Structures are given as C-alpha cells and as structure tokens.
PDB file of N, CA and C in Angstrom:
ATOM      1  N   UNK A   1     113.008  84.774  87.514  1.00  0.00           N
ATOM      2  CA  UNK A   1     113.923  84.910  88.623  1.00  0.00           C
ATOM      3  C   UNK A   1     114.889  86.057  88.349  1.00  0.00           C
ATOM      4  N   UNK A   2     115.131  86.832  89.354  1.00  0.00           N
ATOM      5  CA  UNK A   2     116.082  87.924  89.235  1.00  0.00           C
ATOM      6  C   UNK A   2     117.501  87.403  89.469  1.00  0.00           C
ATOM      7  N   UNK A   3     118.447  87.907  88.715  1.00  0.00           N
ATOM      8  CA  UNK A   3     119.844  87.516  88.889  1.00  0.00           C
ATOM      9  C   UNK A   3     120.708  88.682  89.350  1.00  0.00           C
ATOM     10  N   UNK A   4     120.069  89.724  89.828  1.00  0.00           N
ATOM     11  CA  UNK A   4     120.831  90.899  90.224  1.00  0.00           C
ATOM     12  C   UNK A   4     121.524  90.724  91.568  1.00  0.00           C
ATOM     13  N   UNK A   5     120.966  89.902  92.439  1.00  0.00           N
ATOM     14  CA  UNK A   5     121.516  89.670  93.780  1.00  0.00           C
ATOM     15  C   UNK A   5     121.771  90.988  94.520  1.00  0.00           C
ATOM     16  N   UNK A   6     120.862  91.899  94.384  1.00  0.00           N
ATOM     17  CA  UNK A   6     120.990  93.226  94.982  1.00  0.00           C
ATOM     18  C   UNK A   6     119.726  93.526  95.789  1.00  0.00           C
ATOM     19  N   UNK A   7     119.847  93.799  97.086  1.00  0.00           N
ATOM     20  CA  UNK A   7     118.659  94.068  97.893  1.00  0.00           C
ATOM     21  C   UNK A   7     117.923  95.345  97.498  1.00  0.00           C
ATOM     22  N   UNK A   8     118.538  96.181  96.701  1.00  0.00           N
ATOM     23  CA  UNK A   8     117.850  97.403  96.260  1.00  0.00           C
ATOM     24  C   UNK A   8     116.627  97.078  95.418  1.00  0.00           C
ATOM     25  N   UNK A   9     116.629  95.937  94.746  1.00  0.00           N
ATOM     26  CA  UNK A   9     115.459  95.517  93.962  1.00  0.00           C
ATOM     27  C   UNK A   9     114.278  95.281  94.897  1.00  0.00           C
ATOM     28  N   UNK A  10     114.530  94.590  95.995  1.00  0.00           N
ATOM     29  CA  UNK A  10     113.472  94.350  96.984  1.00  0.00           C
ATOM     30  C   UNK A  10     112.961  95.660  97.570  1.00  0.00           C
ATOM     31  N   UNK A  11     113.887  96.531  97.954  1.00  0.00           N
ATOM     32  CA  UNK A  11     113.464  97.791  98.558  1.00  0.00           C
ATOM     33  C   UNK A  11     112.709  98.678  97.568  1.00  0.00           C
ATOM     34  N   UNK A  12     113.032  98.603  96.300  1.00  0.00           N
ATOM     35  CA  UNK A  12     112.264  99.339  95.284  1.00  0.00           C
ATOM     36  C   UNK A  12     110.842  98.808  95.206  1.00  0.00           C
ATOM     37  N   UNK A  13     110.698  97.492  95.283  1.00  0.00           N
ATOM     38  CA  UNK A  13     109.357  96.888  95.270  1.00  0.00           C
ATOM     39  C   UNK A  13     108.573  97.315  96.501  1.00  0.00           C
ATOM     40  N   UNK A  14     109.245  97.366  97.639  1.00  0.00           N
ATOM     41  CA  UNK A  14     108.559  97.771  98.873  1.00  0.00           C
ATOM     42  C   UNK A  14     108.163  99.246  98.816  1.00  0.00           C
ATOM     43  N   UNK A  15     109.022 100.090  98.260  1.00  0.00           N
ATOM     44  CA  UNK A  15     108.669 101.509  98.100  1.00  0.00           C
ATOM     45  C   UNK A  15     107.465 101.670  97.178  1.00  0.00           C
ATOM     46  N   UNK A  16     107.414 100.865  96.140  1.00  0.00           N
ATOM     47  CA  UNK A  16     106.272 100.920  95.219  1.00  0.00           C
ATOM     48  C   UNK A  16     104.996 100.500  95.929  1.00  0.00           C
ATOM     49  N   UNK A  17     105.087  99.456  96.748  1.00  0.00           N
ATOM     50  CA  UNK A  17     103.921  99.020  97.522  1.00  0.00           C
ATOM     51  C   UNK A  17     103.427 100.146  98.418  1.00  0.00           C
ATOM     52  N   UNK A  18     104.335 100.815  99.095  1.00  0.00           N
ATOM     53  CA  UNK A  18     103.922 101.890  99.994  1.00  0.00           C
ATOM     54  C   UNK A  18     103.439 103.124  99.230  1.00  0.00           C
ATOM     55  N   UNK A  19     103.933 103.327  98.021  1.00  0.00           N
ATOM     56  CA  UNK A  19     103.406 104.415  97.185  1.00  0.00           C
ATOM     57  C   UNK A  19     101.951 104.125  96.820  1.00  0.00           C
ATOM     58  N   UNK A  20     101.638 102.869  96.526  1.00  0.00           N
ATOM     59  CA  UNK A  20     100.252 102.494  96.253  1.00  0.00           C
ATOM     60  C   UNK A  20      99.397 102.645  97.507  1.00  0.00           C
ATOM     61  N   UNK A  21      99.991 102.418  98.673  1.00  0.00           N
ATOM     62  CA  UNK A  21      99.261 102.615  99.922  1.00  0.00           C
ATOM     63  C   UNK A  21      98.858 104.090 100.043  1.00  0.00           C
ATOM     64  N   UNK A  22      99.801 104.981  99.800  1.00  0.00           N
ATOM     65  CA  UNK A  22      99.497 106.417  99.859  1.00  0.00           C
ATOM     66  C   UNK A  22      98.469 106.809  98.811  1.00  0.00           C
ATOM     67  N   UNK A  23      98.576 106.230  97.628  1.00  0.00           N
ATOM     68  CA  UNK A  23      97.598 106.515  96.577  1.00  0.00           C
ATOM     69  C   UNK A  23      96.213 106.071  97.005  1.00  0.00           C
ATOM     70  N   UNK A  24      96.116 104.864  97.575  1.00  0.00           N
ATOM     71  CA  UNK A  24      94.824 104.365  98.048  1.00  0.00           C
ATOM     72  C   UNK A  24      94.226 105.250  99.122  1.00  0.00           C
ATOM     73  N   UNK A  25      95.052 105.660 100.078  1.00  0.00           N
ATOM     74  CA  UNK A  25      94.569 106.545 101.137  1.00  0.00           C
ATOM     75  C   UNK A  25      94.102 107.885 100.583  1.00  0.00           C
ATOM     76  N   UNK A  26      94.843 108.415  99.624  1.00  0.00           N
ATOM     77  CA  UNK A  26      94.472 109.698  99.014  1.00  0.00           C
ATOM     78  C   UNK A  26      93.146 109.579  98.265  1.00  0.00           C
ATOM     79  N   UNK A  27      92.974 108.507  97.508  1.00  0.00           N
ATOM     80  CA  UNK A  27      91.710 108.302  96.801  1.00  0.00           C
ATOM     81  C   UNK A  27      90.548 108.177  97.772  1.00  0.00           C
ATOM     82  N   UNK A  28      90.760 107.464  98.867  1.00  0.00           N
ATOM     83  CA  UNK A  28      89.686 107.304  99.854  1.00  0.00           C
ATOM     84  C   UNK A  28      89.347 108.631 100.531  1.00  0.00           C
ATOM     85  N   UNK A  29      90.361 109.410 100.884  1.00  0.00           N
ATOM     86  CA  UNK A  29      90.113 110.711 101.514  1.00  0.00           C
ATOM     87  C   UNK A  29      89.380 111.642 100.553  1.00  0.00           C
ATOM     88  N   UNK A  30      89.817 111.665  99.311  1.00  0.00           N
ATOM     89  CA  UNK A  30      89.152 112.483  98.300  1.00  0.00           C
ATOM     90  C   UNK A  30      87.706 112.029  98.104  1.00  0.00           C
ATOM     91  N   UNK A  31      87.498 110.730  98.069  1.00  0.00           N
ATOM     92  CA  UNK A  31      86.144 110.191  97.929  1.00  0.00           C
ATOM     93  C   UNK A  31      85.248 110.567  99.083  1.00  0.00           C
ATOM     94  N   UNK A  32      85.785 110.548 100.300  1.00  0.00           N
ATOM     95  CA  UNK A  32      84.986 110.923 101.467  1.00  0.00           C
ATOM     96  C   UNK A  32      84.582 112.389 101.387  1.00  0.00           C
ATOM     97  N   UNK A  33      85.515 113.243 100.963  1.00  0.00           N
ATOM     98  CA  UNK A  33      85.195 114.675 100.814  1.00  0.00           C
ATOM     99  C   UNK A  33      84.097 114.859  99.760  1.00  0.00           C
ATOM    100  N   UNK A  34      84.213 114.179  98.642  1.00  0.00           N
ATOM    101  CA  UNK A  34      83.187 114.295  97.598  1.00  0.00           C
ATOM    102  C   UNK A  34      81.852 113.760  98.105  1.00  0.00           C
ATOM    103  N   UNK A  35      81.892 112.630  98.833  1.00  0.00           N
ATOM    104  CA  UNK A  35      80.656 112.023  99.329  1.00  0.00           C
ATOM    105  C   UNK A  35      79.924 112.964 100.280  1.00  0.00           C
ATOM    106  N   UNK A  36      80.662 113.730 101.061  1.00  0.00           N
ATOM    107  CA  UNK A  36      80.056 114.651 102.030  1.00  0.00           C
ATOM    108  C   UNK A  36      79.833 116.055 101.449  1.00  0.00           C
ATOM    109  N   UNK A  37      80.094 116.245 100.171  1.00  0.00           N
ATOM    110  CA  UNK A  37      80.001 117.576  99.571  1.00  0.00           C
ATOM    111  C   UNK A  37      78.587 118.139  99.638  1.00  0.00           C
ATOM    112  N   UNK A  38      77.565 117.324  99.401  1.00  0.00           N
ATOM    113  CA  UNK A  38      76.179 117.806  99.472  1.00  0.00           C
ATOM    114  C   UNK A  38      75.845 118.342 100.852  1.00  0.00           C
ATOM    115  N   UNK A  39      76.305 117.662 101.890  1.00  0.00           N
ATOM    116  CA  UNK A  39      76.072 118.117 103.257  1.00  0.00           C
ATOM    117  C   UNK A  39      76.731 119.473 103.486  1.00  0.00           C
ATOM    118  N   UNK A  40      77.949 119.628 102.975  1.00  0.00           N
ATOM    119  CA  UNK A  40      78.664 120.898 103.113  1.00  0.00           C
ATOM    120  C   UNK A  40      77.924 122.028 102.405  1.00  0.00           C
ATOM    121  N   UNK A  41      77.464 121.790 101.191  1.00  0.00           N
ATOM    122  CA  UNK A  41      76.744 122.820 100.437  1.00  0.00           C
ATOM    123  C   UNK A  41      75.450 123.187 101.147  1.00  0.00           C
ATOM    124  N   UNK A  42      74.742 122.219 101.669  1.00  0.00           N
ATOM    125  CA  UNK A  42      73.499 122.472 102.392  1.00  0.00           C
ATOM    126  C   UNK A  42      73.766 123.340 103.623  1.00  0.00           C
ATOM    127  N   UNK A  43      74.825 123.020 104.360  1.00  0.00           N
ATOM    128  CA  UNK A  43      75.158 123.806 105.548  1.00  0.00           C
ATOM    129  C   UNK A  43      75.621 125.206 105.173  1.00  0.00           C
ATOM    130  N   UNK A  44      76.393 125.317 104.108  1.00  0.00           N
ATOM    131  CA  UNK A  44      76.916 126.612 103.685  1.00  0.00           C
ATOM    132  C   UNK A  44      75.787 127.528 103.220  1.00  0.00           C
ATOM    133  N   UNK A  45      74.824 126.967 102.512  1.00  0.00           N
ATOM    134  CA  UNK A  45      73.712 127.761 101.999  1.00  0.00           C
ATOM    135  C   UNK A  45      72.632 127.985 103.049  1.00  0.00           C
ATOM    136  N   UNK A  46      72.799 127.369 104.206  1.00  0.00           N
ATOM    137  CA  UNK A  46      71.823 127.464 105.298  1.00  0.00           C
ATOM    138  C   UNK A  46      70.427 127.058 104.851  1.00  0.00           C
ATOM    139  N   UNK A  47      70.409 126.026 104.026  1.00  0.00           N
ATOM    140  CA  UNK A  47      69.140 125.484 103.567  1.00  0.00           C
ATOM    141  C   UNK A  47      68.554 124.603 104.660  1.00  0.00           C
ATOM    142  N   UNK A  48      67.225 124.467 104.675  1.00  0.00           N
ATOM    143  CA  UNK A  48      66.638 123.565 105.667  1.00  0.00           C
ATOM    144  C   UNK A  48      67.133 122.140 105.425  1.00  0.00           C
ATOM    145  N   UNK A  49      67.293 121.427 106.529  1.00  0.00           N
ATOM    146  CA  UNK A  49      67.789 120.063 106.397  1.00  0.00           C
ATOM    147  C   UNK A  49      66.804 119.228 105.605  1.00  0.00           C
ATOM    148  N   UNK A  50      67.354 118.451 104.722  1.00  0.00           N
ATOM    149  CA  UNK A  50      66.549 117.558 103.904  1.00  0.00           C
ATOM    150  C   UNK A  50      67.017 116.138 104.160  1.00  0.00           C
ATOM    151  N   UNK A  51      66.181 115.180 103.883  1.00  0.00           N
ATOM    152  CA  UNK A  51      66.650 113.807 104.066  1.00  0.00           C
ATOM    153  C   UNK A  51      67.802 113.517 103.110  1.00  0.00           C
ATOM    154  N   UNK A  52      68.749 112.707 103.585  1.00  0.00           N
ATOM    155  CA  UNK A  52      69.898 112.368 102.755  1.00  0.00           C
ATOM    156  C   UNK A  52      69.446 111.576 101.540  1.00  0.00           C
ATOM    157  N   UNK A  53      69.974 111.940 100.401  1.00  0.00           N
ATOM    158  CA  UNK A  53      69.640 111.216  99.181  1.00  0.00           C
ATOM    159  C   UNK A  53      70.919 110.694  98.538  1.00  0.00           C
ATOM    160  N   UNK A  54      70.752 109.866  97.564  1.00  0.00           N
ATOM    161  CA  UNK A  54      71.897 109.309  96.847  1.00  0.00           C
ATOM    162  C   UNK A  54      72.151 110.141  95.596  1.00  0.00           C
ATOM    163  N   UNK A  55      72.606 111.371  95.804  1.00  0.00           N
ATOM    164  CA  UNK A  55      72.914 112.237  94.689  1.00  0.00           C
ATOM    165  C   UNK A  55      74.207 111.825  94.001  1.00  0.00           C
ATOM    166  N   UNK A  56      74.548 112.578  92.989  1.00  0.00           N
ATOM    167  CA  UNK A  56      75.727 112.270  92.192  1.00  0.00           C
ATOM    168  C   UNK A  56      77.007 112.299  93.029  1.00  0.00           C
ATOM    169  N   UNK A  57      77.119 113.272  93.942  1.00  0.00           N
ATOM    170  CA  UNK A  57      78.345 113.346  94.748  1.00  0.00           C
ATOM    171  C   UNK A  57      78.483 112.119  95.655  1.00  0.00           C
ATOM    172  N   UNK A  58      77.367 111.568  96.112  1.00  0.00           N
ATOM    173  CA  UNK A  58      77.426 110.354  96.925  1.00  0.00           C
ATOM    174  C   UNK A  58      78.035 109.210  96.136  1.00  0.00           C
ATOM    175  N   UNK A  59      77.539 108.986  94.917  1.00  0.00           N
ATOM    176  CA  UNK A  59      78.008 107.855  94.119  1.00  0.00           C
ATOM    177  C   UNK A  59      79.444 108.039  93.638  1.00  0.00           C
ATOM    178  N   UNK A  60      79.799 109.256  93.279  1.00  0.00           N
ATOM    179  CA  UNK A  60      81.185 109.510  92.862  1.00  0.00           C
ATOM    180  C   UNK A  60      82.129 109.330  94.049  1.00  0.00           C
ATOM    181  N   UNK A  61      81.742 109.849  95.204  1.00  0.00           N
ATOM    182  CA  UNK A  61      82.555 109.685  96.399  1.00  0.00           C
ATOM    183  C   UNK A  61      82.724 108.221  96.784  1.00  0.00           C
ATOM    184  N   UNK A  62      81.634 107.463  96.719  1.00  0.00           N
ATOM    185  CA  UNK A  62      81.704 106.037  97.029  1.00  0.00           C
ATOM    186  C   UNK A  62      82.637 105.320  96.046  1.00  0.00           C
ATOM    187  N   UNK A  63      82.591 105.707  94.789  1.00  0.00           N
ATOM    188  CA  UNK A  63      83.450 105.086  93.777  1.00  0.00           C
ATOM    189  C   UNK A  63      84.927 105.372  94.079  1.00  0.00           C
ATOM    190  N   UNK A  64      85.239 106.596  94.490  1.00  0.00           N
ATOM    191  CA  UNK A  64      86.623 106.920  94.835  1.00  0.00           C
ATOM    192  C   UNK A  64      87.090 106.139  96.062  1.00  0.00           C
ATOM    193  N   UNK A  65      86.237 106.021  97.073  1.00  0.00           N
ATOM    194  CA  UNK A  65      86.610 105.263  98.267  1.00  0.00           C
ATOM    195  C   UNK A  65      86.856 103.804  97.891  1.00  0.00           C
ATOM    196  N   UNK A  66      85.959 103.238  97.103  1.00  0.00           N
ATOM    197  CA  UNK A  66      86.099 101.839  96.693  1.00  0.00           C
ATOM    198  C   UNK A  66      87.364 101.659  95.836  1.00  0.00           C
ATOM    199  N   UNK A  67      87.619 102.612  94.939  1.00  0.00           N
ATOM    200  CA  UNK A  67      88.812 102.543  94.095  1.00  0.00           C
ATOM    201  C   UNK A  67      90.090 102.592  94.940  1.00  0.00           C
ATOM    202  N   UNK A  68      90.115 103.435  95.954  1.00  0.00           N
ATOM    203  CA  UNK A  68      91.268 103.506  96.838  1.00  0.00           C
ATOM    204  C   UNK A  68      91.492 102.206  97.595  1.00  0.00           C
ATOM    205  N   UNK A  69      90.413 101.623  98.093  1.00  0.00           N
ATOM    206  CA  UNK A  69      90.534 100.351  98.813  1.00  0.00           C
ATOM    207  C   UNK A  69      90.990  99.238  97.873  1.00  0.00           C
ATOM    208  N   UNK A  70      90.433  99.209  96.680  1.00  0.00           N
ATOM    209  CA  UNK A  70      90.809  98.175  95.710  1.00  0.00           C
ATOM    210  C   UNK A  70      92.265  98.328  95.276  1.00  0.00           C
ATOM    211  N   UNK A  71      92.731  99.559  95.093  1.00  0.00           N
ATOM    212  CA  UNK A  71      94.123  99.744  94.671  1.00  0.00           C
ATOM    213  C   UNK A  71      95.084  99.298  95.768  1.00  0.00           C
ATOM    214  N   UNK A  72      94.728  99.507  97.033  1.00  0.00           N
ATOM    215  CA  UNK A  72      95.577  99.024  98.125  1.00  0.00           C
ATOM    216  C   UNK A  72      95.629  97.507  98.153  1.00  0.00           C
ATOM    217  N   UNK A  73      94.495  96.866  97.915  1.00  0.00           N
ATOM    218  CA  UNK A  73      94.460  95.395  97.913  1.00  0.00           C
ATOM    219  C   UNK A  73      95.213  94.827  96.713  1.00  0.00           C
ATOM    220  N   UNK A  74      95.021  95.409  95.552  1.00  0.00           N
ATOM    221  CA  UNK A  74      95.693  94.900  94.356  1.00  0.00           C
ATOM    222  C   UNK A  74      97.198  95.145  94.391  1.00  0.00           C
ATOM    223  N   UNK A  75      97.626  96.188  95.095  1.00  0.00           N
ATOM    224  CA  UNK A  75      99.062  96.442  95.238  1.00  0.00           C
ATOM    225  C   UNK A  75      99.741  95.287  95.977  1.00  0.00           C
ATOM    226  N   UNK A  76      99.034  94.680  96.904  1.00  0.00           N
ATOM    227  CA  UNK A  76      99.585  93.530  97.630  1.00  0.00           C
ATOM    228  C   UNK A  76      99.809  92.364  96.667  1.00  0.00           C
ATOM    229  N   UNK A  77      98.864  92.152  95.770  1.00  0.00           N
ATOM    230  CA  UNK A  77      98.993  91.069  94.784  1.00  0.00           C
ATOM    231  C   UNK A  77     100.233  91.298  93.918  1.00  0.00           C
ATOM    232  N   UNK A  78     100.396  92.523  93.439  1.00  0.00           N
ATOM    233  CA  UNK A  78     101.557  92.847  92.607  1.00  0.00           C
ATOM    234  C   UNK A  78     102.863  92.673  93.368  1.00  0.00           C
ATOM    235  N   UNK A  79     102.901  93.131  94.601  1.00  0.00           N
ATOM    236  CA  UNK A  79     104.095  93.031  95.435  1.00  0.00           C
ATOM    237  C   UNK A  79     104.476  91.571  95.653  1.00  0.00           C
ATOM    238  N   UNK A  80     103.481  90.739  95.926  1.00  0.00           N
ATOM    239  CA  UNK A  80     103.747  89.309  96.127  1.00  0.00           C
ATOM    240  C   UNK A  80     104.313  88.668  94.854  1.00  0.00           C
ATOM    241  N   UNK A  81     103.832  89.086  93.695  1.00  0.00           N
ATOM    242  CA  UNK A  81     104.365  88.568  92.433  1.00  0.00           C
ATOM    243  C   UNK A  81     105.839  88.929  92.284  1.00  0.00           C
ATOM    244  N   UNK A  82     106.183  90.148  92.640  1.00  0.00           N
ATOM    245  CA  UNK A  82     107.580  90.576  92.553  1.00  0.00           C
ATOM    246  C   UNK A  82     108.436  89.795  93.544  1.00  0.00           C
ATOM    247  N   UNK A  83     107.953  89.602  94.761  1.00  0.00           N
ATOM    248  CA  UNK A  83     108.724  88.853  95.764  1.00  0.00           C
ATOM    249  C   UNK A  83     109.045  87.437  95.296  1.00  0.00           C
ATOM    250  N   UNK A  84     108.114  86.814  94.580  1.00  0.00           N
ATOM    251  CA  UNK A  84     108.352  85.452  94.101  1.00  0.00           C
ATOM    252  C   UNK A  84     109.474  85.388  93.061  1.00  0.00           C
ATOM    253  N   UNK A  85     109.793  86.510  92.428  1.00  0.00           N
ATOM    254  CA  UNK A  85     110.846  86.509  91.412  1.00  0.00           C
ATOM    255  C   UNK A  85     112.233  86.768  91.997  1.00  0.00           C
ATOM    256  N   UNK A  86     112.304  87.139  93.266  1.00  0.00           N
ATOM    257  CA  UNK A  86     113.589  87.493  93.870  1.00  0.00           C
ATOM    258  C   UNK A  86     114.313  86.267  94.417  1.00  0.00           C
ATOM    259  N   UNK A  87     115.636  86.333  94.361  1.00  0.00           N
ATOM    260  CA  UNK A  87     116.473  85.315  94.995  1.00  0.00           C
ATOM    261  C   UNK A  87     116.510  85.591  96.502  1.00  0.00           C
ATOM    262  N   UNK A  88     116.743  84.574  97.310  1.00  0.00           N
ATOM    263  CA  UNK A  88     116.791  84.791  98.764  1.00  0.00           C
ATOM    264  C   UNK A  88     117.831  85.822  99.202  1.00  0.00           C
ATOM    265  N   UNK A  89     118.946  85.927  98.480  1.00  0.00           N
ATOM    266  CA  UNK A  89     119.958  86.903  98.897  1.00  0.00           C
ATOM    267  C   UNK A  89     119.619  88.333  98.469  1.00  0.00           C
ATOM    268  N   UNK A  90     118.501  88.525  97.772  1.00  0.00           N
ATOM    269  CA  UNK A  90     118.063  89.880  97.429  1.00  0.00           C
ATOM    270  C   UNK A  90     117.182  90.486  98.515  1.00  0.00           C
ATOM    271  N   UNK A  91     116.766  89.661  99.464  1.00  0.00           N
ATOM    272  CA  UNK A  91     115.994  90.147 100.604  1.00  0.00           C
ATOM    273  C   UNK A  91     116.907  90.070 101.822  1.00  0.00           C
ATOM    274  N   UNK A  92     117.104  91.191 102.515  1.00  0.00           N
ATOM    275  CA  UNK A  92     117.997  91.164 103.675  1.00  0.00           C
ATOM    276  C   UNK A  92     117.564  90.099 104.686  1.00  0.00           C
ATOM    277  N   UNK A  93     118.529  89.375 105.191  1.00  0.00           N
ATOM    278  CA  UNK A  93     118.255  88.288 106.127  1.00  0.00           C
ATOM    279  C   UNK A  93     117.598  88.841 107.394  1.00  0.00           C
ATOM    280  N   UNK A  94     116.515  88.212 107.808  1.00  0.00           N
ATOM    281  CA  UNK A  94     115.802  88.623 109.012  1.00  0.00           C
ATOM    282  C   UNK A  94     114.842  89.783 108.806  1.00  0.00           C
ATOM    283  N   UNK A  95     114.763  90.315 107.590  1.00  0.00           N
ATOM    284  CA  UNK A  95     113.873  91.440 107.317  1.00  0.00           C
ATOM    285  C   UNK A  95     112.445  90.930 107.190  1.00  0.00           C
ATOM    286  N   UNK A  96     111.528  91.577 107.877  1.00  0.00           N
ATOM    287  CA  UNK A  96     110.137  91.155 107.846  1.00  0.00           C
ATOM    288  C   UNK A  96     109.462  91.797 106.639  1.00  0.00           C
ATOM    289  N   UNK A  97     109.184  91.025 105.621  1.00  0.00           N
ATOM    290  CA  UNK A  97     108.658  91.549 104.355  1.00  0.00           C
ATOM    291  C   UNK A  97     107.165  91.804 104.387  1.00  0.00           C
ATOM    292  N   UNK A  98     106.480  91.431 105.457  1.00  0.00           N
ATOM    293  CA  UNK A  98     105.017  91.520 105.480  1.00  0.00           C
ATOM    294  C   UNK A  98     104.460  92.780 106.128  1.00  0.00           C
ATOM    295  N   UNK A  99     105.302  93.676 106.599  1.00  0.00           N
ATOM    296  CA  UNK A  99     104.793  94.889 107.234  1.00  0.00           C
ATOM    297  C   UNK A  99     103.991  95.741 106.250  1.00  0.00           C
ATOM    298  N   UNK A 100     104.529  95.958 105.074  1.00  0.00           N
ATOM    299  CA  UNK A 100     103.803  96.724 104.061  1.00  0.00           C
ATOM    300  C   UNK A 100     102.549  96.013 103.593  1.00  0.00           C
ATOM    301  N   UNK A 101     102.614  94.691 103.508  1.00  0.00           N
ATOM    302  CA  UNK A 101     101.448  93.900 103.107  1.00  0.00           C
ATOM    303  C   UNK A 101     100.325  94.080 104.112  1.00  0.00           C
ATOM    304  N   UNK A 102     100.646  93.947 105.392  1.00  0.00           N
ATOM    305  CA  UNK A 102      99.624  94.095 106.429  1.00  0.00           C
ATOM    306  C   UNK A 102      99.035  95.504 106.449  1.00  0.00           C
ATOM    307  N   UNK A 103      99.891  96.493 106.257  1.00  0.00           N
ATOM    308  CA  UNK A 103      99.410  97.875 106.226  1.00  0.00           C
ATOM    309  C   UNK A 103      98.443  98.085 105.073  1.00  0.00           C
ATOM    310  N   UNK A 104      98.814  97.612 103.891  1.00  0.00           N
ATOM    311  CA  UNK A 104      97.936  97.776 102.736  1.00  0.00           C
ATOM    312  C   UNK A 104      96.622  97.019 102.909  1.00  0.00           C
ATOM    313  N   UNK A 105      96.698  95.816 103.436  1.00  0.00           N
ATOM    314  CA  UNK A 105      95.468  95.040 103.643  1.00  0.00           C
ATOM    315  C   UNK A 105      94.565  95.698 104.678  1.00  0.00           C
ATOM    316  N   UNK A 106      95.156  96.295 105.721  1.00  0.00           N
ATOM    317  CA  UNK A 106      94.359  97.014 106.715  1.00  0.00           C
ATOM    318  C   UNK A 106      93.683  98.231 106.086  1.00  0.00           C
ATOM    319  N   UNK A 107      94.424  98.974 105.276  1.00  0.00           N
ATOM    320  CA  UNK A 107      93.844 100.143 104.596  1.00  0.00           C
ATOM    321  C   UNK A 107      92.714  99.705 103.662  1.00  0.00           C
ATOM    322  N   UNK A 108      92.933  98.630 102.921  1.00  0.00           N
ATOM    323  CA  UNK A 108      91.901  98.128 102.015  1.00  0.00           C
ATOM    324  C   UNK A 108      90.664  97.694 102.784  1.00  0.00           C
ATOM    325  N   UNK A 109      90.855  96.941 103.854  1.00  0.00           N
ATOM    326  CA  UNK A 109      89.710  96.470 104.645  1.00  0.00           C
ATOM    327  C   UNK A 109      88.934  97.642 105.229  1.00  0.00           C
ATOM    328  N   UNK A 110      89.638  98.616 105.784  1.00  0.00           N
ATOM    329  CA  UNK A 110      88.955  99.781 106.350  1.00  0.00           C
ATOM    330  C   UNK A 110      88.239 100.592 105.275  1.00  0.00           C
ATOM    331  N   UNK A 111      88.811 100.660 104.086  1.00  0.00           N
ATOM    332  CA  UNK A 111      88.138 101.357 102.988  1.00  0.00           C
ATOM    333  C   UNK A 111      86.849 100.672 102.576  1.00  0.00           C
ATOM    334  N   UNK A 112      86.884  99.348 102.487  1.00  0.00           N
ATOM    335  CA  UNK A 112      85.668  98.615 102.142  1.00  0.00           C
ATOM    336  C   UNK A 112      84.625  98.722 103.254  1.00  0.00           C
ATOM    337  N   UNK A 113      85.078  98.703 104.512  1.00  0.00           N
ATOM    338  CA  UNK A 113      84.152  98.871 105.639  1.00  0.00           C
ATOM    339  C   UNK A 113      83.532 100.271 105.607  1.00  0.00           C
ATOM    340  N   UNK A 114      84.348 101.293 105.320  1.00  0.00           N
ATOM    341  CA  UNK A 114      83.831 102.663 105.218  1.00  0.00           C
ATOM    342  C   UNK A 114      82.790 102.764 104.111  1.00  0.00           C
ATOM    343  N   UNK A 115      83.060 102.144 102.978  1.00  0.00           N
ATOM    344  CA  UNK A 115      82.100 102.156 101.875  1.00  0.00           C
ATOM    345  C   UNK A 115      80.783 101.533 102.315  1.00  0.00           C
ATOM    346  N   UNK A 116      80.864 100.385 102.964  1.00  0.00           N
ATOM    347  CA  UNK A 116      79.643  99.708 103.428  1.00  0.00           C
ATOM    348  C   UNK A 116      78.906 100.564 104.454  1.00  0.00           C
ATOM    349  N   UNK A 117      79.644 101.149 105.389  1.00  0.00           N
ATOM    350  CA  UNK A 117      79.013 101.987 106.412  1.00  0.00           C
ATOM    351  C   UNK A 117      78.295 103.185 105.795  1.00  0.00           C
ATOM    352  N   UNK A 118      78.964 103.884 104.887  1.00  0.00           N
ATOM    353  CA  UNK A 118      78.344 105.056 104.264  1.00  0.00           C
ATOM    354  C   UNK A 118      77.101 104.669 103.470  1.00  0.00           C
ATOM    355  N   UNK A 119      77.172 103.553 102.781  1.00  0.00           N
ATOM    356  CA  UNK A 119      76.013 103.112 102.010  1.00  0.00           C
ATOM    357  C   UNK A 119      74.848 102.749 102.925  1.00  0.00           C
ATOM    358  N   UNK A 120      75.148 102.017 104.002  1.00  0.00           N
ATOM    359  CA  UNK A 120      74.093 101.619 104.937  1.00  0.00           C
ATOM    360  C   UNK A 120      73.514 102.837 105.655  1.00  0.00           C
ATOM    361  N   UNK A 121      74.375 103.772 106.063  1.00  0.00           N
ATOM    362  CA  UNK A 121      73.877 104.956 106.781  1.00  0.00           C
ATOM    363  C   UNK A 121      73.034 105.846 105.865  1.00  0.00           C
ATOM    364  N   UNK A 122      73.307 105.854 104.574  1.00  0.00           N
ATOM    365  CA  UNK A 122      72.504 106.633 103.632  1.00  0.00           C
ATOM    366  C   UNK A 122      71.226 105.894 103.248  1.00  0.00           C
ATOM    367  N   UNK A 123      71.207 104.593 103.480  1.00  0.00           N
ATOM    368  CA  UNK A 123      69.997 103.819 103.147  1.00  0.00           C
ATOM    369  C   UNK A 123      68.998 103.839 104.290  1.00  0.00           C
ATOM    370  N   UNK A 124      69.388 104.452 105.389  1.00  0.00           N
ATOM    371  CA  UNK A 124      68.472 104.536 106.513  1.00  0.00           C
ATOM    372  C   UNK A 124      68.490 103.317 107.401  1.00  0.00           C
ATOM    373  N   UNK A 125      69.465 102.399 107.181  1.00  0.00           N
ATOM    374  CA  UNK A 125      69.508 101.164 107.961  1.00  0.00           C
ATOM    375  C   UNK A 125      70.437 101.258 109.018  1.00  0.00           C
TER     376      UNK A 125
END
C-alpha cells in the first residue's frame, strides 16, 4: 500500500501505461513495415510477381507485431497491479481510470487480429 496520498503517483502510473501503448504501436508499425519489405523490394526491382512466401522478413515482421500487441496487453496487467497498491485518495475522485486500459486492450486485440490476418493471407486461406 502506498502512503504518499499524492495523486501524482497515480498519474505517473497512467503515463507509464500510455508510454507502453506508444511502444506497442511502434513495434507493430515497425513489424508491418518489415513484413511487407519483400513486396517493396520486388516492386522496386521490377521483378516478375512471385507467389508470396514466408521469408525471413515475414517472420521477423510477424514477431514484431506480436511483440507490440503482447506489450500493450501486459502493460495493462502491470498498471492494474500498481492501482491495487494505491489508497483511494491517491486517485482523483470521479476520475475514470479505465480509459488507458481500454485503449491498450484495443491496441493489443487489433495487433493480434492483424497478426492472424497476415498469417492467414500469406497461407492462401
């Protein structure tokens, strides 16, 4: 239990949660760019179109997307642990503490859906 009785502790935890949200989004965006890198190289070199394969850039990109989604989901777990340690007077009265949680969970869910979609679309299904 925290004995600081200062709402700045709560707001620091919320800022950390949103920093993890940005980190997750950045990892997912970077992963998508890596996943599509083979397509870009093929277009740039004006090579004849080939069937999509599961090359190294595909797997590395998928790993980054999955890592970004997982970090957003795990950030919610950490944030909830911190909230349980706070006294009620450390959270401003009437403040909705779940906005960041919902945002992170939405980002995580969309990241996992994107991973599944990319995998299925590359599998020909």
